[in-house]
Amino acid sequence: MPRRRQTLLAALLIAVLPAMTLPAMAQEAATGDAIRAAIGGNTVQGAMSDATAYTEFYAADGMIKGQDYTGAWTIDGDSMCFAYGSDPATCYGVRIAGDQVTWLSNGAETGTGTILPGNPNGF
């Protein structure tokens, strides 16, 4: 391989490899507007870190609909907040990568999910 080509290849590797090896935590949390756009009017199905599975439809009007229960969701700054019954709201940061969601609490991952278009379960 000619020396110039080796130099260009080495420069490219030096530029690209660090980005390829960044942990998932290095991804930025979504803004409130991005959360609303990606999740509002859609369903998220996944599991929290305690292995609790969930499937919830987040209606555009702020209502949460699950199998046999309802709740409310809001955006507070760059966090998504959830309220069920008389329990106080719990808020999470959100990372969104395509149709994948990661819920964050105090910078730690607390759950994951997949965004499904609309309300496929008819909640």
PDB file of N, CA and C in Angstrom:
ATOM      1  N   MET A   1       0.853  -1.165   0.000  1.00  0.00           N
ATOM      2  CA  MET A   1       0.000   0.000   0.000  1.00  0.00           C
ATOM      3  C   MET A   1       0.905   1.236   0.000  1.00  0.00           C
ATOM      4  N   PRO A   2       0.648   2.190  -0.868  1.00  0.00           N
ATOM      5  CA  PRO A   2       1.466   3.400  -0.907  1.00  0.00           C
ATOM      6  C   PRO A   2       1.387   4.140   0.426  1.00  0.00           C
ATOM      7  N   ARG A   3       2.473   4.827   0.755  1.00  0.00           N
ATOM      8  CA  ARG A   3       2.589   5.517   2.037  1.00  0.00           C
ATOM      9  C   ARG A   3       1.460   6.545   2.247  1.00  0.00           C
ATOM     10  N   ARG A   4       1.129   7.302   1.223  1.00  0.00           N
ATOM     11  CA  ARG A   4       0.080   8.317   1.375  1.00  0.00           C
ATOM     12  C   ARG A   4      -1.254   7.659   1.725  1.00  0.00           C
ATOM     13  N   ARG A   5      -1.551   6.544   1.099  1.00  0.00           N
ATOM     14  CA  ARG A   5      -2.796   5.832   1.376  1.00  0.00           C
ATOM     15  C   ARG A   5      -2.801   5.310   2.814  1.00  0.00           C
ATOM     16  N   GLN A   6      -1.655   4.803   3.280  1.00  0.00           N
ATOM     17  CA  GLN A   6      -1.550   4.339   4.663  1.00  0.00           C
ATOM     18  C   GLN A   6      -1.804   5.489   5.632  1.00  0.00           C
ATOM     19  N   THR A   7      -1.258   6.655   5.330  1.00  0.00           N
ATOM     20  CA  THR A   7      -1.430   7.821   6.188  1.00  0.00           C
ATOM     21  C   THR A   7      -2.894   8.236   6.241  1.00  0.00           C
ATOM     22  N   LEU A   8      -3.561   8.252   5.084  1.00  0.00           N
ATOM     23  CA  LEU A   8      -4.978   8.602   5.046  1.00  0.00           C
ATOM     24  C   LEU A   8      -5.826   7.588   5.807  1.00  0.00           C
ATOM     25  N   LEU A   9      -5.502   6.303   5.648  1.00  0.00           N
ATOM     26  CA  LEU A   9      -6.228   5.255   6.355  1.00  0.00           C
ATOM     27  C   LEU A   9      -6.029   5.392   7.858  1.00  0.00           C
ATOM     28  N   ALA A  10      -4.796   5.641   8.278  1.00  0.00           N
ATOM     29  CA  ALA A  10      -4.511   5.814   9.705  1.00  0.00           C
ATOM     30  C   ALA A  10      -5.274   7.019  10.261  1.00  0.00           C
ATOM     31  N   ALA A  11      -5.314   8.120   9.531  1.00  0.00           N
ATOM     32  CA  ALA A  11      -6.032   9.314   9.981  1.00  0.00           C
ATOM     33  C   ALA A  11      -7.523   9.034  10.100  1.00  0.00           C
ATOM     34  N   LEU A  12      -8.059   8.298   9.150  1.00  0.00           N
ATOM     35  CA  LEU A  12      -9.476   7.953   9.190  1.00  0.00           C
ATOM     36  C   LEU A  12      -9.784   7.078  10.408  1.00  0.00           C
ATOM     37  N   LEU A  13      -8.961   6.093  10.669  1.00  0.00           N
ATOM     38  CA  LEU A  13      -9.168   5.219  11.819  1.00  0.00           C
ATOM     39  C   LEU A  13      -9.079   5.984  13.128  1.00  0.00           C
ATOM     40  N   ILE A  14      -8.130   6.901  13.204  1.00  0.00           N
ATOM     41  CA  ILE A  14      -7.984   7.703  14.417  1.00  0.00           C
ATOM     42  C   ILE A  14      -9.233   8.549  14.639  1.00  0.00           C
ATOM     43  N   ALA A  15      -9.835   9.051  13.567  1.00  0.00           N
ATOM     44  CA  ALA A  15     -11.023   9.888  13.680  1.00  0.00           C
ATOM     45  C   ALA A  15     -12.277   9.081  13.980  1.00  0.00           C
ATOM     46  N   VAL A  16     -12.404   7.897  13.424  1.00  0.00           N
ATOM     47  CA  VAL A  16     -13.642   7.125  13.504  1.00  0.00           C
ATOM     48  C   VAL A  16     -13.685   6.168  14.692  1.00  0.00           C
ATOM     49  N   LEU A  17     -12.615   5.517  15.023  1.00  0.00           N
ATOM     50  CA  LEU A  17     -12.642   4.496  16.067  1.00  0.00           C
ATOM     51  C   LEU A  17     -13.128   4.997  17.419  1.00  0.00           C
ATOM     52  N   PRO A  18     -12.705   6.162  17.899  1.00  0.00           N
ATOM     53  CA  PRO A  18     -13.229   6.591  19.197  1.00  0.00           C
ATOM     54  C   PRO A  18     -14.749   6.698  19.207  1.00  0.00           C
ATOM     55  N   ALA A  19     -15.344   7.175  18.150  1.00  0.00           N
ATOM     56  CA  ALA A  19     -16.800   7.297  18.093  1.00  0.00           C
ATOM     57  C   ALA A  19     -17.466   5.926  18.084  1.00  0.00           C
ATOM     58  N   MET A  20     -16.829   4.956  17.465  1.00  0.00           N
ATOM     59  CA  MET A  20     -17.408   3.612  17.394  1.00  0.00           C
ATOM     60  C   MET A  20     -17.347   2.906  18.733  1.00  0.00           C
ATOM     61  N   THR A  21     -16.447   3.297  19.605  1.00  0.00           N
ATOM     62  CA  THR A  21     -16.283   2.600  20.866  1.00  0.00           C
ATOM     63  C   THR A  21     -16.920   3.319  22.039  1.00  0.00           C
ATOM     64  N   LEU A  22     -17.602   4.451  21.800  1.00  0.00           N
ATOM     65  CA  LEU A  22     -18.256   5.153  22.881  1.00  0.00           C
ATOM     66  C   LEU A  22     -19.368   4.287  23.454  1.00  0.00           C
ATOM     67  N   PRO A  23     -19.497   4.240  24.767  1.00  0.00           N
ATOM     68  CA  PRO A  23     -20.592   3.474  25.356  1.00  0.00           C
ATOM     69  C   PRO A  23     -21.923   4.138  25.067  1.00  0.00           C
ATOM     70  N   ALA A  24     -22.977   3.363  25.186  1.00  0.00           N
ATOM     71  CA  ALA A  24     -24.316   3.889  24.918  1.00  0.00           C
ATOM     72  C   ALA A  24     -24.638   5.076  25.819  1.00  0.00           C
ATOM     73  N   MET A  25     -24.105   5.115  27.029  1.00  0.00           N
ATOM     74  CA  MET A  25     -24.383   6.208  27.945  1.00  0.00           C
ATOM     75  C   MET A  25     -23.912   7.547  27.394  1.00  0.00           C
ATOM     76  N   ALA A  26     -22.968   7.539  26.462  1.00  0.00           N
ATOM     77  CA  ALA A  26     -22.450   8.788  25.933  1.00  0.00           C
ATOM     78  C   ALA A  26     -23.465   9.472  25.022  1.00  0.00           C
ATOM     79  N   GLN A  27     -24.490   8.759  24.589  1.00  0.00           N
ATOM     80  CA  GLN A  27     -25.509   9.371  23.758  1.00  0.00           C
ATOM     81  C   GLN A  27     -26.251  10.419  24.581  1.00  0.00           C
ATOM     82  N   GLU A  28     -26.651  11.470  23.911  1.00  0.00           N
ATOM     83  CA  GLU A  28     -27.364  12.556  24.574  1.00  0.00           C
ATOM     84  C   GLU A  28     -28.810  12.161  24.867  1.00  0.00           C
ATOM     85  N   ALA A  29     -29.320  12.648  25.976  1.00  0.00           N
ATOM     86  CA  ALA A  29     -30.738  12.482  26.263  1.00  0.00           C
ATOM     87  C   ALA A  29     -31.522  13.381  25.310  1.00  0.00           C
ATOM     88  N   ALA A  30     -32.717  12.971  24.968  1.00  0.00           N
ATOM     89  CA  ALA A  30     -33.567  13.716  24.041  1.00  0.00           C
ATOM     90  C   ALA A  30     -34.113  14.973  24.711  1.00  0.00           C
ATOM     91  N   THR A  31     -34.432  15.947  23.901  1.00  0.00           N
ATOM     92  CA  THR A  31     -35.103  17.154  24.394  1.00  0.00           C
ATOM     93  C   THR A  31     -36.582  16.844  24.606  1.00  0.00           C
ATOM     94  N   GLY A  32     -37.249  17.710  25.347  1.00  0.00           N
ATOM     95  CA  GLY A  32     -38.680  17.543  25.550  1.00  0.00           C
ATOM     96  C   GLY A  32     -39.451  17.487  24.246  1.00  0.00           C
ATOM     97  N   ASP A  33     -39.093  18.355  23.304  1.00  0.00           N
ATOM     98  CA  ASP A  33     -39.775  18.358  22.001  1.00  0.00           C
ATOM     99  C   ASP A  33     -39.546  17.054  21.248  1.00  0.00           C
ATOM    100  N   ALA A  34     -38.324  16.514  21.311  1.00  0.00           N
ATOM    101  CA  ALA A  34     -38.021  15.252  20.623  1.00  0.00           C
ATOM    102  C   ALA A  34     -38.763  14.094  21.269  1.00  0.00           C
ATOM    103  N   ILE A  35     -38.874  14.106  22.599  1.00  0.00           N
ATOM    104  CA  ILE A  35     -39.620  13.054  23.307  1.00  0.00           C
ATOM    105  C   ILE A  35     -41.078  13.088  22.864  1.00  0.00           C
ATOM    106  N   ARG A  36     -41.673  14.288  22.898  1.00  0.00           N
ATOM    107  CA  ARG A  36     -43.088  14.447  22.516  1.00  0.00           C
ATOM    108  C   ARG A  36     -43.324  13.969  21.081  1.00  0.00           C
ATOM    109  N   ALA A  37     -42.414  14.330  20.175  1.00  0.00           N
ATOM    110  CA  ALA A  37     -42.572  13.963  18.763  1.00  0.00           C
ATOM    111  C   ALA A  37     -42.446  12.460  18.551  1.00  0.00           C
ATOM    112  N   ALA A  38     -41.532  11.814  19.258  1.00  0.00           N
ATOM    113  CA  ALA A  38     -41.295  10.384  19.045  1.00  0.00           C
ATOM    114  C   ALA A  38     -42.306   9.494  19.763  1.00  0.00           C
ATOM    115  N   ILE A  39     -42.752   9.911  20.946  1.00  0.00           N
ATOM    116  CA  ILE A  39     -43.558   9.021  21.781  1.00  0.00           C
ATOM    117  C   ILE A  39     -45.038   9.389  21.787  1.00  0.00           C
ATOM    118  N   GLY A  40     -45.352  10.666  21.722  1.00  0.00           N
ATOM    119  CA  GLY A  40     -46.759  11.080  21.736  1.00  0.00           C
ATOM    120  C   GLY A  40     -47.531  10.461  20.586  1.00  0.00           C
ATOM    121  N   GLY A  41     -48.662   9.840  20.893  1.00  0.00           N
ATOM    122  CA  GLY A  41     -49.483   9.201  19.873  1.00  0.00           C
ATOM    123  C   GLY A  41     -49.014   7.812  19.498  1.00  0.00           C
ATOM    124  N   ASN A  42     -48.024   7.293  20.218  1.00  0.00           N
ATOM    125  CA  ASN A  42     -47.470   5.962  19.936  1.00  0.00           C
ATOM    126  C   ASN A  42     -47.453   5.093  21.184  1.00  0.00           C
ATOM    127  N   THR A  43     -47.110   3.844  20.980  1.00  0.00           N
ATOM    128  CA  THR A  43     -47.010   2.857  22.049  1.00  0.00           C
ATOM    129  C   THR A  43     -45.546   2.547  22.285  1.00  0.00           C
ATOM    130  N   VAL A  44     -45.177   2.331  23.553  1.00  0.00           N
ATOM    131  CA  VAL A  44     -43.837   1.849  23.874  1.00  0.00           C
ATOM    132  C   VAL A  44     -44.006   0.530  24.613  1.00  0.00           C
ATOM    133  N   GLN A  45     -43.240  -0.461  24.165  1.00  0.00           N
ATOM    134  CA  GLN A  45     -43.265  -1.795  24.762  1.00  0.00           C
ATOM    135  C   GLN A  45     -41.851  -2.144  25.185  1.00  0.00           C
ATOM    136  N   GLY A  46     -41.681  -2.572  26.426  1.00  0.00           N
ATOM    137  CA  GLY A  46     -40.337  -2.908  26.889  1.00  0.00           C
ATOM    138  C   GLY A  46     -40.338  -3.449  28.300  1.00  0.00           C
ATOM    139  N   ALA A  47     -39.236  -3.208  29.010  1.00  0.00           N
ATOM    140  CA  ALA A  47     -39.089  -3.675  30.386  1.00  0.00           C
ATOM    141  C   ALA A  47     -38.231  -2.688  31.166  1.00  0.00           C
ATOM    142  N   MET A  48     -38.549  -2.557  32.431  1.00  0.00           N
ATOM    143  CA  MET A  48     -37.748  -1.732  33.321  1.00  0.00           C
ATOM    144  C   MET A  48     -36.625  -2.601  33.894  1.00  0.00           C
ATOM    145  N   SER A  49     -35.663  -1.977  34.552  1.00  0.00           N
ATOM    146  CA  SER A  49     -34.492  -2.715  35.037  1.00  0.00           C
ATOM    147  C   SER A  49     -34.842  -3.774  36.071  1.00  0.00           C
ATOM    148  N   ASP A  50     -35.999  -3.654  36.727  1.00  0.00           N
ATOM    149  CA  ASP A  50     -36.423  -4.690  37.684  1.00  0.00           C
ATOM    150  C   ASP A  50     -37.166  -5.832  36.989  1.00  0.00           C
ATOM    151  N   ALA A  51     -37.103  -5.875  35.655  1.00  0.00           N
ATOM    152  CA  ALA A  51     -37.711  -6.911  34.809  1.00  0.00           C
ATOM    153  C   ALA A  51     -39.232  -6.761  34.685  1.00  0.00           C
ATOM    154  N   THR A  52     -39.789  -5.657  35.133  1.00  0.00           N
ATOM    155  CA  THR A  52     -41.213  -5.404  34.966  1.00  0.00           C
ATOM    156  C   THR A  52     -41.480  -5.032  33.513  1.00  0.00           C
ATOM    157  N   ALA A  53     -42.255  -5.866  32.824  1.00  0.00           N
ATOM    158  CA  ALA A  53     -42.601  -5.607  31.425  1.00  0.00           C
ATOM    159  C   ALA A  53     -43.737  -4.588  31.361  1.00  0.00           C
ATOM    160  N   TYR A  54     -43.764  -3.814  30.301  1.00  0.00           N
ATOM    161  CA  TYR A  54     -44.837  -2.851  30.113  1.00  0.00           C
ATOM    162  C   TYR A  54     -45.137  -2.695  28.623  1.00  0.00           C
ATOM    163  N   THR A  55     -46.381  -2.345  28.326  1.00  0.00           N
ATOM    164  CA  THR A  55     -46.818  -1.913  27.004  1.00  0.00           C
ATOM    165  C   THR A  55     -47.826  -0.811  27.263  1.00  0.00           C
ATOM    166  N   GLU A  56     -47.494   0.416  26.827  1.00  0.00           N
ATOM    167  CA  GLU A  56     -48.353   1.553  27.095  1.00  0.00           C
ATOM    168  C   GLU A  56     -48.503   2.421  25.852  1.00  0.00           C
ATOM    169  N   PHE A  57     -49.732   2.879  25.649  1.00  0.00           N
ATOM    170  CA  PHE A  57     -50.017   3.839  24.593  1.00  0.00           C
ATOM    171  C   PHE A  57     -50.034   5.222  25.216  1.00  0.00           C
ATOM    172  N   TYR A  58     -49.267   6.161  24.624  1.00  0.00           N
ATOM    173  CA  TYR A  58     -49.166   7.527  25.128  1.00  0.00           C
ATOM    174  C   TYR A  58     -49.939   8.439  24.186  1.00  0.00           C
ATOM    175  N   ALA A  59     -51.219   8.633  24.490  1.00  0.00           N
ATOM    176  CA  ALA A  59     -52.085   9.448  23.640  1.00  0.00           C
ATOM    177  C   ALA A  59     -51.552  10.876  23.571  1.00  0.00           C
ATOM    178  N   ALA A  60     -51.789  11.526  22.448  1.00  0.00           N
ATOM    179  CA  ALA A  60     -51.305  12.891  22.246  1.00  0.00           C
ATOM    180  C   ALA A  60     -51.871  13.861  23.283  1.00  0.00           C
ATOM    181  N   ASP A  61     -53.038  13.542  23.880  1.00  0.00           N
ATOM    182  CA  ASP A  61     -53.641  14.428  24.876  1.00  0.00           C
ATOM    183  C   ASP A  61     -53.070  14.237  26.277  1.00  0.00           C
ATOM    184  N   GLY A  62     -52.059  13.368  26.426  1.00  0.00           N
ATOM    185  CA  GLY A  62     -51.419  13.166  27.724  1.00  0.00           C
ATOM    186  C   GLY A  62     -51.929  11.980  28.511  1.00  0.00           C
ATOM    187  N   MET A  63     -52.841  11.215  27.946  1.00  0.00           N
ATOM    188  CA  MET A  63     -53.350  10.037  28.648  1.00  0.00           C
ATOM    189  C   MET A  63     -52.480   8.825  28.339  1.00  0.00           C
ATOM    190  N   ILE A  64     -52.223   8.024  29.376  1.00  0.00           N
ATOM    191  CA  ILE A  64     -51.541   6.739  29.216  1.00  0.00           C
ATOM    192  C   ILE A  64     -52.622   5.670  29.265  1.00  0.00           C
ATOM    193  N   LYS A  65     -52.557   4.740  28.316  1.00  0.00           N
ATOM    194  CA  LYS A  65     -53.498   3.624  28.302  1.00  0.00           C
ATOM    195  C   LYS A  65     -52.693   2.330  28.255  1.00  0.00           C
ATOM    196  N   GLY A  66     -52.935   1.467  29.239  1.00  0.00           N
ATOM    197  CA  GLY A  66     -52.336   0.145  29.277  1.00  0.00           C
ATOM    198  C   GLY A  66     -53.439  -0.878  29.392  1.00  0.00           C
ATOM    199  N   GLN A  67     -53.055  -2.129  29.487  1.00  0.00           N
ATOM    200  CA  GLN A  67     -54.065  -3.174  29.648  1.00  0.00           C
ATOM    201  C   GLN A  67     -54.657  -3.051  31.042  1.00  0.00           C
ATOM    202  N   ASP A  68     -55.915  -2.669  31.128  1.00  0.00           N
ATOM    203  CA  ASP A  68     -56.672  -2.558  32.375  1.00  0.00           C
ATOM    204  C   ASP A  68     -56.237  -1.417  33.288  1.00  0.00           C
ATOM    205  N   TYR A  69     -55.578  -0.381  32.775  1.00  0.00           N
ATOM    206  CA  TYR A  69     -55.247   0.778  33.600  1.00  0.00           C
ATOM    207  C   TYR A  69     -55.019   1.997  32.716  1.00  0.00           C
ATOM    208  N   THR A  70     -55.057   3.154  33.356  1.00  0.00           N
ATOM    209  CA  THR A  70     -54.764   4.420  32.675  1.00  0.00           C
ATOM    210  C   THR A  70     -53.871   5.264  33.580  1.00  0.00           C
ATOM    211  N   GLY A  71     -53.342   6.298  33.012  1.00  0.00           N
ATOM    212  CA  GLY A  71     -52.508   7.240  33.747  1.00  0.00           C
ATOM    213  C   GLY A  71     -52.377   8.504  32.926  1.00  0.00           C
ATOM    214  N   ALA A  72     -51.385   9.312  33.270  1.00  0.00           N
ATOM    215  CA  ALA A  72     -51.155  10.552  32.537  1.00  0.00           C
ATOM    216  C   ALA A  72     -49.657  10.741  32.333  1.00  0.00           C
ATOM    217  N   TRP A  73     -49.301  11.313  31.186  1.00  0.00           N
ATOM    218  CA  TRP A  73     -47.905  11.648  30.931  1.00  0.00           C
ATOM    219  C   TRP A  73     -47.795  13.121  30.571  1.00  0.00           C
ATOM    220  N   THR A  74     -46.665  13.695  30.954  1.00  0.00           N
ATOM    221  CA  THR A  74     -46.368  15.082  30.640  1.00  0.00           C
ATOM    222  C   THR A  74     -44.883  15.195  30.317  1.00  0.00           C
ATOM    223  N   ILE A  75     -44.532  16.299  29.719  1.00  0.00           N
ATOM    224  CA  ILE A  75     -43.130  16.628  29.490  1.00  0.00           C
ATOM    225  C   ILE A  75     -42.789  17.763  30.448  1.00  0.00           C
ATOM    226  N   ASP A  76     -41.731  17.587  31.220  1.00  0.00           N
ATOM    227  CA  ASP A  76     -41.256  18.613  32.149  1.00  0.00           C
ATOM    228  C   ASP A  76     -39.815  18.913  31.771  1.00  0.00           C
ATOM    229  N   GLY A  77     -39.603  20.002  31.069  1.00  0.00           N
ATOM    230  CA  GLY A  77     -38.259  20.312  30.565  1.00  0.00           C
ATOM    231  C   GLY A  77     -37.857  19.263  29.539  1.00  0.00           C
ATOM    232  N   ASP A  78     -36.808  18.527  29.825  1.00  0.00           N
ATOM    233  CA  ASP A  78     -36.342  17.458  28.940  1.00  0.00           C
ATOM    234  C   ASP A  78     -36.557  16.088  29.569  1.00  0.00           C
ATOM    235  N   SER A  79     -37.602  15.955  30.370  1.00  0.00           N
ATOM    236  CA  SER A  79     -37.952  14.682  31.003  1.00  0.00           C
ATOM    237  C   SER A  79     -39.393  14.328  30.674  1.00  0.00           C
ATOM    238  N   MET A  80     -39.673  13.029  30.666  1.00  0.00           N
ATOM    239  CA  MET A  80     -41.043  12.537  30.493  1.00  0.00           C
ATOM    240  C   MET A  80     -41.508  12.049  31.851  1.00  0.00           C
ATOM    241  N   CYS A  81     -42.665  12.527  32.281  1.00  0.00           N
ATOM    242  CA  CYS A  81     -43.189  12.205  33.606  1.00  0.00           C
ATOM    243  C   CYS A  81     -44.446  11.353  33.483  1.00  0.00           C
ATOM    244  N   PHE A  82     -44.601  10.438  34.427  1.00  0.00           N
ATOM    245  CA  PHE A  82     -45.696   9.468  34.421  1.00  0.00           C
ATOM    246  C   PHE A  82     -46.420   9.532  35.759  1.00  0.00           C
ATOM    247  N   ALA A  83     -47.754   9.586  35.728  1.00  0.00           N
ATOM    248  CA  ALA A  83     -48.559   9.571  36.950  1.00  0.00           C
ATOM    249  C   ALA A  83     -49.639   8.512  36.801  1.00  0.00           C
ATOM    250  N   TYR A  84     -49.747   7.670  37.824  1.00  0.00           N
ATOM    251  CA  TYR A  84     -50.737   6.593  37.844  1.00  0.00           C
ATOM    252  C   TYR A  84     -51.518   6.698  39.146  1.00  0.00           C
ATOM    253  N   GLY A  85     -52.848   6.774  39.046  1.00  0.00           N
ATOM    254  CA  GLY A  85     -53.671   6.855  40.247  1.00  0.00           C
ATOM    255  C   GLY A  85     -53.285   8.045  41.105  1.00  0.00           C
ATOM    256  N   SER A  86     -53.205   7.834  42.421  1.00  0.00           N
ATOM    257  CA  SER A  86     -52.870   8.916  43.344  1.00  0.00           C
ATOM    258  C   SER A  86     -51.368   9.008  43.622  1.00  0.00           C
ATOM    259  N   ASP A  87     -50.564   8.147  42.981  1.00  0.00           N
ATOM    260  CA  ASP A  87     -49.114   8.191  43.176  1.00  0.00           C
ATOM    261  C   ASP A  87     -48.546   9.469  42.558  1.00  0.00           C
ATOM    262  N   PRO A  88     -47.522  10.048  43.191  1.00  0.00           N
ATOM    263  CA  PRO A  88     -46.899  11.230  42.586  1.00  0.00           C
ATOM    264  C   PRO A  88     -46.218  10.858  41.262  1.00  0.00           C
ATOM    265  N   ALA A  89     -46.089  11.839  40.389  1.00  0.00           N
ATOM    266  CA  ALA A  89     -45.454  11.605  39.090  1.00  0.00           C
ATOM    267  C   ALA A  89     -43.988  11.231  39.265  1.00  0.00           C
ATOM    268  N   THR A  90     -43.521  10.362  38.387  1.00  0.00           N
ATOM    269  CA  THR A  90     -42.112   9.976  38.317  1.00  0.00           C
ATOM    270  C   THR A  90     -41.600  10.406  36.957  1.00  0.00           C
ATOM    271  N   CYS A  91     -40.448  11.083  36.932  1.00  0.00           N
ATOM    272  CA  CYS A  91     -39.918  11.623  35.681  1.00  0.00           C
ATOM    273  C   CYS A  91     -38.620  10.920  35.290  1.00  0.00           C
ATOM    274  N   TYR A  92     -38.423  10.759  33.990  1.00  0.00           N
ATOM    275  CA  TYR A  92     -37.246  10.096  33.447  1.00  0.00           C
ATOM    276  C   TYR A  92     -36.675  10.915  32.291  1.00  0.00           C
ATOM    277  N   GLY A  93     -35.364  10.914  32.191  1.00  0.00           N
ATOM    278  CA  GLY A  93     -34.736  11.362  30.968  1.00  0.00           C
ATOM    279  C   GLY A  93     -34.934  10.270  29.936  1.00  0.00           C
ATOM    280  N   VAL A  94     -34.837  10.607  28.677  1.00  0.00           N
ATOM    281  CA  VAL A  94     -35.110   9.636  27.620  1.00  0.00           C
ATOM    282  C   VAL A  94     -34.039   9.743  26.543  1.00  0.00           C
ATOM    283  N   ARG A  95     -33.468   8.598  26.185  1.00  0.00           N
ATOM    284  CA  ARG A  95     -32.613   8.531  24.993  1.00  0.00           C
ATOM    285  C   ARG A  95     -33.417   7.830  23.916  1.00  0.00           C
ATOM    286  N   ILE A  96     -33.381   8.382  22.719  1.00  0.00           N
ATOM    287  CA  ILE A  96     -34.124   7.811  21.599  1.00  0.00           C
ATOM    288  C   ILE A  96     -33.147   7.571  20.464  1.00  0.00           C
ATOM    289  N   ALA A  97     -33.127   6.335  19.962  1.00  0.00           N
ATOM    290  CA  ALA A  97     -32.293   5.968  18.817  1.00  0.00           C
ATOM    291  C   ALA A  97     -33.172   5.169  17.864  1.00  0.00           C
ATOM    292  N   GLY A  98     -33.685   5.833  16.844  1.00  0.00           N
ATOM    293  CA  GLY A  98     -34.614   5.160  15.934  1.00  0.00           C
ATOM    294  C   GLY A  98     -35.889   4.837  16.684  1.00  0.00           C
ATOM    295  N   ASP A  99     -36.262   3.558  16.726  1.00  0.00           N
ATOM    296  CA  ASP A  99     -37.468   3.164  17.459  1.00  0.00           C
ATOM    297  C   ASP A  99     -37.143   2.642  18.859  1.00  0.00           C
ATOM    298  N   GLN A 100     -35.909   2.827  19.311  1.00  0.00           N
ATOM    299  CA  GLN A 100     -35.487   2.344  20.621  1.00  0.00           C
ATOM    300  C   GLN A 100     -35.467   3.483  21.641  1.00  0.00           C
ATOM    301  N   VAL A 101     -35.987   3.197  22.842  1.00  0.00           N
ATOM    302  CA  VAL A 101     -36.058   4.163  23.929  1.00  0.00           C
ATOM    303  C   VAL A 101     -35.287   3.609  25.118  1.00  0.00           C
ATOM    304  N   THR A 102     -34.533   4.465  25.781  1.00  0.00           N
ATOM    305  CA  THR A 102     -33.887   4.108  27.043  1.00  0.00           C
ATOM    306  C   THR A 102     -34.333   5.133  28.072  1.00  0.00           C
ATOM    307  N   TRP A 103     -34.878   4.648  29.194  1.00  0.00           N
ATOM    308  CA  TRP A 103     -35.335   5.516  30.281  1.00  0.00           C
ATOM    309  C   TRP A 103     -34.162   5.732  31.227  1.00  0.00           C
ATOM    310  N   LEU A 104     -33.961   6.975  31.667  1.00  0.00           N
ATOM    311  CA  LEU A 104     -32.828   7.341  32.513  1.00  0.00           C
ATOM    312  C   LEU A 104     -33.307   7.986  33.806  1.00  0.00           C
ATOM    313  N   SER A 105     -32.696   7.586  34.914  1.00  0.00           N
ATOM    314  CA  SER A 105     -32.963   8.209  36.206  1.00  0.00           C
ATOM    315  C   SER A 105     -31.623   8.498  36.856  1.00  0.00           C
ATOM    316  N   ASN A 106     -31.363   9.742  37.155  1.00  0.00           N
ATOM    317  CA  ASN A 106     -30.071  10.157  37.720  1.00  0.00           C
ATOM    318  C   ASN A 106     -28.906   9.681  36.872  1.00  0.00           C
ATOM    319  N   GLY A 107     -29.064   9.711  35.562  1.00  0.00           N
ATOM    320  CA  GLY A 107     -28.010   9.332  34.630  1.00  0.00           C
ATOM    321  C   GLY A 107     -27.857   7.842  34.408  1.00  0.00           C
ATOM    322  N   ALA A 108     -28.577   7.014  35.155  1.00  0.00           N
ATOM    323  CA  ALA A 108     -28.476   5.551  35.010  1.00  0.00           C
ATOM    324  C   ALA A 108     -29.650   5.028  34.190  1.00  0.00           C
ATOM    325  N   GLU A 109     -29.391   4.004  33.389  1.00  0.00           N
ATOM    326  CA  GLU A 109     -30.450   3.363  32.618  1.00  0.00           C
ATOM    327  C   GLU A 109     -31.375   2.604  33.563  1.00  0.00           C
ATOM    328  N   THR A 110     -32.683   2.859  33.450  1.00  0.00           N
ATOM    329  CA  THR A 110     -33.646   2.179  34.314  1.00  0.00           C
ATOM    330  C   THR A 110     -34.652   1.350  33.535  1.00  0.00           C
ATOM    331  N   GLY A 111     -34.567   1.380  32.214  1.00  0.00           N
ATOM    332  CA  GLY A 111     -35.460   0.570  31.396  1.00  0.00           C
ATOM    333  C   GLY A 111     -35.240   0.854  29.926  1.00  0.00           C
ATOM    334  N   THR A 112     -35.810  -0.004  29.104  1.00  0.00           N
ATOM    335  CA  THR A 112     -35.703   0.147  27.659  1.00  0.00           C
ATOM    336  C   THR A 112     -37.049  -0.182  27.024  1.00  0.00           C
ATOM    337  N   GLY A 113     -37.205   0.208  25.784  1.00  0.00           N
ATOM    338  CA  GLY A 113     -38.437  -0.106  25.079  1.00  0.00           C
ATOM    339  C   GLY A 113     -38.302   0.137  23.590  1.00  0.00           C
ATOM    340  N   THR A 114     -39.323  -0.311  22.887  1.00  0.00           N
ATOM    341  CA  THR A 114     -39.416  -0.130  21.444  1.00  0.00           C
ATOM    342  C   THR A 114     -40.678   0.669  21.154  1.00  0.00           C
ATOM    343  N   ILE A 115     -40.534   1.723  20.343  1.00  0.00           N
ATOM    344  CA  ILE A 115     -41.683   2.540  19.953  1.00  0.00           C
ATOM    345  C   ILE A 115     -42.428   1.822  18.832  1.00  0.00           C
ATOM    346  N   LEU A 116     -43.721   1.619  19.036  1.00  0.00           N
ATOM    347  CA  LEU A 116     -44.596   1.019  18.030  1.00  0.00           C
ATOM    348  C   LEU A 116     -45.539   2.100  17.540  1.00  0.00           C
ATOM    349  N   PRO A 117     -45.735   2.246  16.245  1.00  0.00           N
ATOM    350  CA  PRO A 117     -46.598   3.298  15.723  1.00  0.00           C
ATOM    351  C   PRO A 117     -48.038   3.164  16.203  1.00  0.00           C
ATOM    352  N   GLY A 118     -48.606   4.281  16.635  1.00  0.00           N
ATOM    353  CA  GLY A 118     -50.022   4.309  17.009  1.00  0.00           C
ATOM    354  C   GLY A 118     -50.353   3.480  18.236  1.00  0.00           C
ATOM    355  N   ASN A 119     -51.545   2.896  18.213  1.00  0.00           N
ATOM    356  CA  ASN A 119     -52.067   2.109  19.328  1.00  0.00           C
ATOM    357  C   ASN A 119     -52.420   0.712  18.835  1.00  0.00           C
ATOM    358  N   PRO A 120     -51.402  -0.112  18.504  1.00  0.00           N
ATOM    359  CA  PRO A 120     -51.677  -1.407  17.882  1.00  0.00           C
ATOM    360  C   PRO A 120     -52.438  -2.378  18.774  1.00  0.00           C
ATOM    361  N   ASN A 121     -52.456  -2.161  20.084  1.00  0.00           N
ATOM    362  CA  ASN A 121     -53.179  -3.043  20.996  1.00  0.00           C
ATOM    363  C   ASN A 121     -54.606  -2.590  21.249  1.00  0.00           C
ATOM    364  N   GLY A 122     -54.965  -1.442  20.711  1.00  0.00           N
ATOM    365  CA  GLY A 122     -56.318  -0.938  20.881  1.00  0.00           C
ATOM    366  C   GLY A 122     -56.651  -0.563  22.316  1.00  0.00           C
ATOM    367  N   PHE A 123     -55.683  -0.098  23.069  1.00  0.00           N
ATOM    368  CA  PHE A 123     -55.950   0.301  24.466  1.00  0.00           C
ATOM    369  C   PHE A 123     -56.859   1.507  24.491  1.00  0.00           C
TER     370      PHE A 123
END
